[in-house]
Amino acid sequence: MKSQSRIALMALALGLVPVFAWPQDRVPTREGNIWNGTDHEPVPSEVSRDEQAAGIAPPAAQQDETNNQVERLYRQLMGKQGNP
């Protein structure tokens, strides 16, 4: 009796596997920060513009430091390329 119930349980479990493995036939509407064909990740220029419009722009010292960091990174990258 126990072996018959085990066999029946195994048959049921194996019968359900194809149902869960059925392929999705539709494309997801959203993937990450892109949905409806539009990238919704904020870019620095938009953030700066929105912050200034709302009156919450970063202090000048913070902006200068950010600009300096970007400039240092740019110089490092250009220096690693080497001259042909």
Protein backbone atom coordinates (compact mmCIF):
# COMPACT_ATOMS: atom_id res chain seq x y z
CA MET A 1 0.00 0.00 0.00
CA LYS A 2 2.82 2.40 0.88
CA SER A 3 4.63 1.67 -2.36
CA GLN A 4 1.48 2.36 -4.37
CA SER A 5 0.97 5.71 -2.66
CA ARG A 6 4.62 6.60 -3.24
CA ILE A 7 4.29 5.70 -6.91
CA ALA A 8 1.11 7.75 -7.20
CA LEU A 9 2.77 10.71 -5.48
CA MET A 10 5.80 10.47 -7.80
CA ALA A 11 3.54 10.27 -10.85
CA LEU A 12 1.64 13.35 -9.68
CA ALA A 13 4.86 15.27 -9.01
CA LEU A 14 6.35 14.33 -12.38
CA GLY A 15 3.08 15.24 -14.07
CA LEU A 16 3.20 18.76 -12.62
CA VAL A 17 6.78 19.50 -13.75
CA PRO A 18 5.81 20.38 -17.35
CA VAL A 19 3.14 22.80 -16.06
CA PHE A 20 5.71 24.80 -14.08
CA ALA A 21 8.29 24.61 -16.86
CA TRP A 22 5.91 26.00 -19.50
CA PRO A 23 7.70 28.75 -21.44
CA GLN A 24 6.54 32.34 -21.11
CA ASP A 25 5.01 33.47 -24.37
CA ARG A 26 4.92 37.18 -23.62
CA VAL A 27 7.62 39.80 -23.31
CA PRO A 28 7.96 41.39 -19.87
CA THR A 29 6.62 44.93 -19.77
CA ARG A 30 9.38 46.09 -17.46
CA GLU A 31 13.04 45.14 -17.10
CA GLY A 32 15.09 47.01 -14.54
CA ASN A 33 14.65 50.76 -14.95
CA ILE A 34 13.47 50.43 -18.54
CA TRP A 35 9.77 50.09 -19.28
CA ASN A 36 7.55 51.18 -22.14
CA GLY A 37 10.76 51.57 -24.13
CA THR A 38 11.98 54.42 -21.93
CA ASP A 39 14.97 54.49 -19.60
CA HIS A 40 13.79 55.78 -16.23
CA GLU A 41 17.23 55.99 -14.61
CA PRO A 42 17.91 59.61 -13.69
CA VAL A 43 20.90 61.21 -15.38
CA PRO A 44 23.02 63.87 -13.67
CA SER A 45 21.90 66.66 -16.00
CA GLU A 46 18.23 65.98 -15.25
CA VAL A 47 18.86 65.71 -11.53
CA SER A 48 20.79 68.99 -11.46
CA ARG A 49 18.09 70.77 -13.45
CA ASP A 50 15.33 69.41 -11.18
CA GLU A 51 17.27 70.28 -8.03
CA GLN A 52 17.86 73.83 -9.22
CA ALA A 53 14.19 74.23 -10.18
CA ALA A 54 13.18 73.04 -6.71
CA GLY A 55 15.74 75.29 -5.06
CA ILE A 56 17.78 72.42 -3.58
CA ALA A 57 20.89 72.58 -5.73
CA PRO A 58 24.09 71.40 -4.04
CA PRO A 59 26.37 74.05 -2.55
CA ALA A 60 29.01 75.49 -4.86
CA ALA A 61 31.81 73.79 -2.89
CA GLN A 62 30.20 70.38 -3.35
CA GLN A 63 29.69 71.02 -7.06
CA ASP A 64 33.33 72.13 -7.42
CA GLU A 65 34.54 68.97 -5.66
CA THR A 66 32.40 66.79 -7.93
CA ASN A 67 33.76 68.58 -11.00
CA ASN A 68 37.33 68.11 -9.73
CA GLN A 69 36.75 64.37 -9.20
CA VAL A 70 35.39 63.99 -12.71
CA GLU A 71 38.32 65.94 -14.13
CA ARG A 72 40.84 63.73 -12.23
CA LEU A 73 39.16 60.57 -13.50
CA TYR A 74 39.19 61.91 -17.04
CA ARG A 75 42.90 62.70 -16.84
CA GLN A 76 43.63 59.24 -15.43
CA LEU A 77 41.71 57.56 -18.23
CA MET A 78 43.34 59.65 -20.92
CA GLY A 79 46.78 59.03 -19.41
CA LYS A 80 46.28 55.24 -19.47
CA GLN A 81 45.43 55.26 -23.18
CA GLY A 82 48.94 56.32 -24.06
CA ASN A 83 50.09 58.17 -27.11
CA PRO A 84 50.48 56.31 -30.43
